Amino acid sequence: MNSINPAPQAAAEAKRYEIQFPVLVCRETGVVRDYQISKLPHLIIIDKKGVIRTSTTFLKTDDIKKVVDELIKE
């Protein structure tokens, strides 16, 4: 999620860091407020039913993998 930069800049940063998952650009929406995000970077993992499974800052790669692997099994 990018709550600071305009969409073109956020897309360029995602490409630069080789991010291969969707990046939500929410500069002019209520997403930051709605999800009660107070610090960046912030990671939110939402399952296919729309349930937030993880909402945190600074999650380690191995921990992200564990959450995503569990979702894939479902």
Protein backbone atom coordinates (compact mmCIF):
# COMPACT_ATOMS: atom_id res chain seq x y z
CA MET A 1 0.00 0.00 0.00
CA ASN A 2 1.23 3.44 -0.81
CA SER A 3 -0.58 6.24 0.99
CA ILE A 4 1.82 9.05 0.20
CA ASN A 5 2.83 9.05 -3.46
CA PRO A 6 0.73 9.64 -6.57
CA ALA A 7 -0.15 6.46 -8.50
CA PRO A 8 2.56 6.80 -11.22
CA GLN A 9 5.29 7.24 -8.61
CA ALA A 10 3.98 4.33 -6.53
CA ALA A 11 3.97 2.12 -9.64
CA ALA A 12 7.56 3.14 -10.42
CA GLU A 13 8.65 2.28 -6.86
CA ALA A 14 6.89 -1.10 -7.01
CA LYS A 15 8.72 -1.85 -10.26
CA ARG A 16 12.05 -0.65 -8.83
CA TYR A 17 11.73 -2.98 -5.83
CA GLU A 18 10.37 -5.81 -8.01
CA ILE A 19 7.14 -6.04 -6.02
CA GLN A 20 5.07 -8.68 -7.77
CA PHE A 21 1.79 -8.29 -5.90
CA PRO A 22 -0.86 -5.56 -6.18
CA VAL A 23 0.02 -2.25 -4.52
CA LEU A 24 -2.93 -0.23 -3.31
CA VAL A 25 -2.55 3.48 -3.90
CA CYS A 26 -4.75 5.22 -1.39
CA ARG A 27 -3.51 8.76 -1.25
CA GLU A 28 -6.97 10.22 -1.68
CA THR A 29 -9.12 7.49 -0.14
CA GLY A 30 -10.09 6.54 3.40
CA VAL A 31 -8.11 3.29 3.43
CA VAL A 32 -5.52 4.52 5.94
CA ARG A 33 -8.28 5.63 8.28
CA ASP A 34 -10.49 2.59 7.67
CA TYR A 35 -7.69 0.10 8.37
CA GLN A 36 -6.30 2.20 11.26
CA ILE A 37 -2.82 2.42 9.77
CA SER A 38 -0.52 4.63 11.79
CA LYS A 39 2.93 3.65 10.54
CA LEU A 40 4.45 2.85 7.16
CA PRO A 41 5.42 0.49 5.70
CA HIS A 42 2.36 -1.51 6.62
CA LEU A 43 1.42 -4.95 5.38
CA ILE A 44 -2.15 -6.17 5.21
CA ILE A 45 -2.88 -9.68 3.99
CA ILE A 46 -6.53 -10.27 3.14
CA ASP A 47 -7.86 -13.73 2.34
CA LYS A 48 -10.17 -14.57 -0.55
CA LYS A 49 -13.20 -14.02 1.69
CA GLY A 50 -12.09 -10.48 2.49
CA VAL A 51 -10.96 -11.27 6.04
CA ILE A 52 -7.81 -9.54 7.27
CA ARG A 53 -5.36 -12.29 8.19
CA THR A 54 -2.39 -10.06 8.99
CA SER A 55 -2.10 -6.34 9.62
CA THR A 56 1.31 -5.25 10.82
CA THR A 57 4.49 -3.33 10.17
CA PHE A 58 7.87 -4.85 9.51
CA LEU A 59 6.88 -8.50 9.13
CA LYS A 60 9.85 -10.69 8.21
CA THR A 61 9.86 -12.45 4.86
CA ASP A 62 9.67 -15.90 6.48
CA ASP A 63 6.61 -14.84 8.48
CA ILE A 64 4.91 -13.44 5.38
CA LYS A 65 5.60 -16.72 3.62
CA LYS A 66 4.00 -18.70 6.46
CA VAL A 67 0.80 -16.64 6.29
CA VAL A 68 0.61 -16.81 2.50
CA ASP A 69 1.38 -20.56 2.45
CA GLU A 70 -1.51 -21.17 4.87
CA LEU A 71 -3.86 -19.13 2.67
CA ILE A 72 -2.80 -21.09 -0.40
CA LYS A 73 -3.57 -24.38 1.40
CA GLU A 74 -7.11 -23.15 2.06
